[in-house]
Structures are given as structure tokens and as C-alpha cells.
Amino acid sequence: MKISNELMTQVDRYRKIKSFAVTQIMKKEMADIYKEHEWGTLNLSCGVCLRDAFNKIIRELDTPKPKINFIGIAQKKYQDMTYKEIQAEAKKKGIKANQSKINLLKKLNK
């Protein structure tokens, strides 16, 4: 939701002292926000409707947005793997697995 600085000032004022003073331009902006969020049509000449619109806007601003949690998969270090596990990793990556452990580690770490 994009709100102009003037309207945001009135939103903050309403939060603090439950009072607001809006111009016709701000009312129009509130009506656009109302319509954008599909809350219906805002009656611009009704003080109670404007008050309710302020409450809805504040609720929308204060609602935390869902967070995307990252779930990492712990990677095993090649140095901690057994020779058989290193051979399996090498095969997965298309490296010939019939080499010494040291040579496989060098090629896997490239």
C-alpha cells in the first residue's frame, strides 16, 4: 500500500490522538486505497466512514507480512566422508570414482 506523506501524517495523528484533518485530495487517496483493498466504496462525506477507513488502514499497516523461512540442509564435508561416500559423490558429479581418496577430494573441491 502506497500512502502519501500527508496522509501518513494524519494516520499517525489518528493513531496517537484519534483525531484527523483530511483534505479532499487525501479523501480521494483514502477512497483509492479502500477500493484497492476491496473494502467497498468509501463515503467521503461521512466522518464515521473516514474514521473506519483510518482504522482499516492502520490495521493493514500494522499486520505483519508473512516471513519466508529458510530451511538449510547441512552439507557434509568431503574430508569427513568415508572413501565409499566420496566415490558416490564423485559418480554423482560425473567424475571417475576409481581414483585415490586424495585425487577424488581434489577434483570434488574444484
C-alpha atoms as a PDB file:
ATOM      1  CA  MET A   1       0.000   0.000   0.000  1.00  0.00           C
ATOM      2  CA  LYS A   2       1.478   3.323  -1.064  1.00  0.00           C
ATOM      3  CA  ILE A   3       0.464   6.295   1.073  1.00  0.00           C
ATOM      4  CA  SER A   4       1.453   9.919   0.585  1.00  0.00           C
ATOM      5  CA  ASN A   5       3.396  11.694   3.324  1.00  0.00           C
ATOM      6  CA  GLU A   6       0.454  13.988   4.065  1.00  0.00           C
ATOM      7  CA  LEU A   7      -1.961  11.108   4.580  1.00  0.00           C
ATOM      8  CA  MET A   8       0.621   9.139   6.564  1.00  0.00           C
ATOM      9  CA  THR A   9       0.955  12.138   8.890  1.00  0.00           C
ATOM     10  CA  GLN A  10      -2.805  12.022   9.501  1.00  0.00           C
ATOM     11  CA  VAL A  11      -2.688   8.228  10.004  1.00  0.00           C
ATOM     12  CA  ASP A  12      -0.008   8.712  12.672  1.00  0.00           C
ATOM     13  CA  ARG A  13      -2.045  11.525  14.237  1.00  0.00           C
ATOM     14  CA  TYR A  14      -5.128   9.308  14.325  1.00  0.00           C
ATOM     15  CA  ARG A  15      -3.096   6.514  15.944  1.00  0.00           C
ATOM     16  CA  LYS A  16      -1.940   8.852  18.718  1.00  0.00           C
ATOM     17  CA  ILE A  17      -4.887  11.096  19.492  1.00  0.00           C
ATOM     18  CA  LYS A  18      -7.809   9.650  17.492  1.00  0.00           C
ATOM     19  CA  SER A  19      -8.180  12.881  15.553  1.00  0.00           C
ATOM     20  CA  PHE A  20      -7.645  13.679  11.878  1.00  0.00           C
ATOM     21  CA  ALA A  21      -7.925  16.528   9.421  1.00  0.00           C
ATOM     22  CA  VAL A  22      -8.042  15.490   5.799  1.00  0.00           C
ATOM     23  CA  THR A  23      -8.315  17.461   2.580  1.00  0.00           C
ATOM     24  CA  GLN A  24     -10.333  16.406  -0.449  1.00  0.00           C
ATOM     25  CA  ILE A  25      -7.134  15.097  -2.051  1.00  0.00           C
ATOM     26  CA  MET A  26      -6.433  12.915   0.995  1.00  0.00           C
ATOM     27  CA  LYS A  27     -10.032  11.687   1.000  1.00  0.00           C
ATOM     28  CA  LYS A  28      -9.679  10.706  -2.645  1.00  0.00           C
ATOM     29  CA  GLU A  29      -6.444   8.871  -1.821  1.00  0.00           C
ATOM     30  CA  MET A  30      -8.194   7.038   1.018  1.00  0.00           C
ATOM     31  CA  ALA A  31     -11.025   6.078  -1.342  1.00  0.00           C
ATOM     32  CA  ASP A  32      -8.457   4.666  -3.781  1.00  0.00           C
ATOM     33  CA  ILE A  33      -6.810   2.640  -1.001  1.00  0.00           C
ATOM     34  CA  TYR A  34     -10.246   1.443   0.102  1.00  0.00           C
ATOM     35  CA  LYS A  35     -11.069   0.310  -3.423  1.00  0.00           C
ATOM     36  CA  GLU A  36      -7.602  -1.246  -3.934  1.00  0.00           C
ATOM     37  CA  HIS A  37      -8.100  -3.483  -0.890  1.00  0.00           C
ATOM     38  CA  GLU A  38     -11.667  -4.345  -1.947  1.00  0.00           C
ATOM     39  CA  TRP A  39     -13.223  -2.951   1.216  1.00  0.00           C
ATOM     40  CA  GLY A  40     -16.100  -1.455  -0.760  1.00  0.00           C
ATOM     41  CA  THR A  41     -16.821   2.178  -1.544  1.00  0.00           C
ATOM     42  CA  LEU A  42     -15.806   4.902   0.875  1.00  0.00           C
ATOM     43  CA  ASN A  43     -18.366   7.635   1.592  1.00  0.00           C
ATOM     44  CA  LEU A  44     -16.128  10.738   1.522  1.00  0.00           C
ATOM     45  CA  SER A  45     -18.668  12.996   3.243  1.00  0.00           C
ATOM     46  CA  CYS A  46     -19.182  10.724   6.269  1.00  0.00           C
ATOM     47  CA  GLY A  47     -16.872  11.294   9.254  1.00  0.00           C
ATOM     48  CA  VAL A  48     -17.613   7.865  10.724  1.00  0.00           C
ATOM     49  CA  CYS A  49     -16.784   6.219   7.401  1.00  0.00           C
ATOM     50  CA  LEU A  50     -13.473   8.103   7.289  1.00  0.00           C
ATOM     51  CA  ARG A  51     -12.736   7.051  10.868  1.00  0.00           C
ATOM     52  CA  ASP A  52     -13.412   3.425   9.950  1.00  0.00           C
ATOM     53  CA  ALA A  53     -11.175   3.823   6.910  1.00  0.00           C
ATOM     54  CA  PHE A  54      -8.357   5.092   9.141  1.00  0.00           C
ATOM     55  CA  ASN A  55      -8.800   2.064  11.400  1.00  0.00           C
ATOM     56  CA  LYS A  56      -8.670  -0.316   8.432  1.00  0.00           C
ATOM     57  CA  ILE A  57      -5.589   1.392   7.005  1.00  0.00           C
ATOM     58  CA  ILE A  58      -3.844   1.224  10.394  1.00  0.00           C
ATOM     59  CA  ARG A  59      -4.730  -2.464  10.754  1.00  0.00           C
ATOM     60  CA  GLU A  60      -3.355  -3.117   7.266  1.00  0.00           C
ATOM     61  CA  LEU A  61      -0.141  -1.223   8.026  1.00  0.00           C
ATOM     62  CA  ASP A  62       0.325  -2.986  11.374  1.00  0.00           C
ATOM     63  CA  THR A  63      -0.354  -6.502  10.083  1.00  0.00           C
ATOM     64  CA  PRO A  64       2.951  -8.331   9.888  1.00  0.00           C
ATOM     65  CA  LYS A  65       3.728  -9.680   6.467  1.00  0.00           C
ATOM     66  CA  PRO A  66       4.400 -13.416   6.256  1.00  0.00           C
ATOM     67  CA  LYS A  67       8.058 -14.300   6.518  1.00  0.00           C
ATOM     68  CA  ILE A  68       9.741 -16.821   4.306  1.00  0.00           C
ATOM     69  CA  ASN A  69      11.740 -19.155   6.468  1.00  0.00           C
ATOM     70  CA  PHE A  70      14.901 -20.650   5.049  1.00  0.00           C
ATOM     71  CA  ILE A  71      15.467 -24.272   5.859  1.00  0.00           C
ATOM     72  CA  GLY A  72      19.051 -25.161   5.160  1.00  0.00           C
ATOM     73  CA  ILE A  73      20.336 -28.639   4.594  1.00  0.00           C
ATOM     74  CA  ALA A  74      23.570 -29.356   6.379  1.00  0.00           C
ATOM     75  CA  GLN A  75      26.235 -30.262   3.864  1.00  0.00           C
ATOM     76  CA  LYS A  76      28.694 -32.954   4.758  1.00  0.00           C
ATOM     77  CA  LYS A  77      32.333 -32.013   4.253  1.00  0.00           C
ATOM     78  CA  TYR A  78      34.218 -34.220   1.854  1.00  0.00           C
ATOM     79  CA  GLN A  79      37.076 -34.559   4.353  1.00  0.00           C
ATOM     80  CA  ASP A  80      34.665 -36.093   6.901  1.00  0.00           C
ATOM     81  CA  MET A  81      33.306 -38.662   4.419  1.00  0.00           C
ATOM     82  CA  THR A  82      34.421 -42.217   4.035  1.00  0.00           C
ATOM     83  CA  TYR A  83      36.110 -43.347   0.849  1.00  0.00           C
ATOM     84  CA  LYS A  84      32.886 -45.070  -0.322  1.00  0.00           C
ATOM     85  CA  GLU A  85      30.850 -41.863   0.251  1.00  0.00           C
ATOM     86  CA  ILE A  86      33.434 -39.831  -1.674  1.00  0.00           C
ATOM     87  CA  GLN A  87      33.256 -42.310  -4.532  1.00  0.00           C
ATOM     88  CA  ALA A  88      29.451 -41.999  -4.584  1.00  0.00           C
ATOM     89  CA  GLU A  89      29.681 -38.167  -4.683  1.00  0.00           C
ATOM     90  CA  ALA A  90      32.220 -38.361  -7.487  1.00  0.00           C
ATOM     91  CA  LYS A  91      29.909 -40.629  -9.510  1.00  0.00           C
ATOM     92  CA  LYS A  92      27.025 -38.169  -8.982  1.00  0.00           C
ATOM     93  CA  LYS A  93      29.183 -35.372 -10.399  1.00  0.00           C
ATOM     94  CA  GLY A  94      30.454 -37.433 -13.344  1.00  0.00           C
ATOM     95  CA  ILE A  95      33.983 -37.945 -12.036  1.00  0.00           C
ATOM     96  CA  LYS A  96      35.658 -41.331 -12.438  1.00  0.00           C
ATOM     97  CA  ALA A  97      35.451 -42.921  -8.999  1.00  0.00           C
ATOM     98  CA  ASN A  98      38.311 -45.426  -9.320  1.00  0.00           C
ATOM     99  CA  GLN A  99      40.954 -42.967  -8.057  1.00  0.00           C
ATOM    100  CA  SER A 100      42.687 -42.437  -4.762  1.00  0.00           C
ATOM    101  CA  LYS A 101      40.869 -40.576  -1.984  1.00  0.00           C
ATOM    102  CA  ILE A 102      43.259 -37.612  -2.304  1.00  0.00           C
ATOM    103  CA  ASN A 103      42.676 -37.286  -6.073  1.00  0.00           C
ATOM    104  CA  LEU A 104      38.907 -37.526  -5.625  1.00  0.00           C
ATOM    105  CA  LEU A 105      38.970 -34.835  -2.922  1.00  0.00           C
ATOM    106  CA  LYS A 106      40.984 -32.530  -5.196  1.00  0.00           C
ATOM    107  CA  LYS A 107      38.540 -32.982  -8.074  1.00  0.00           C
ATOM    108  CA  LEU A 108      35.425 -32.611  -5.897  1.00  0.00           C
ATOM    109  CA  ASN A 109      36.734 -29.392  -4.294  1.00  0.00           C
ATOM    110  CA  LYS A 110      37.338 -27.683  -7.679  1.00  0.00           C
END
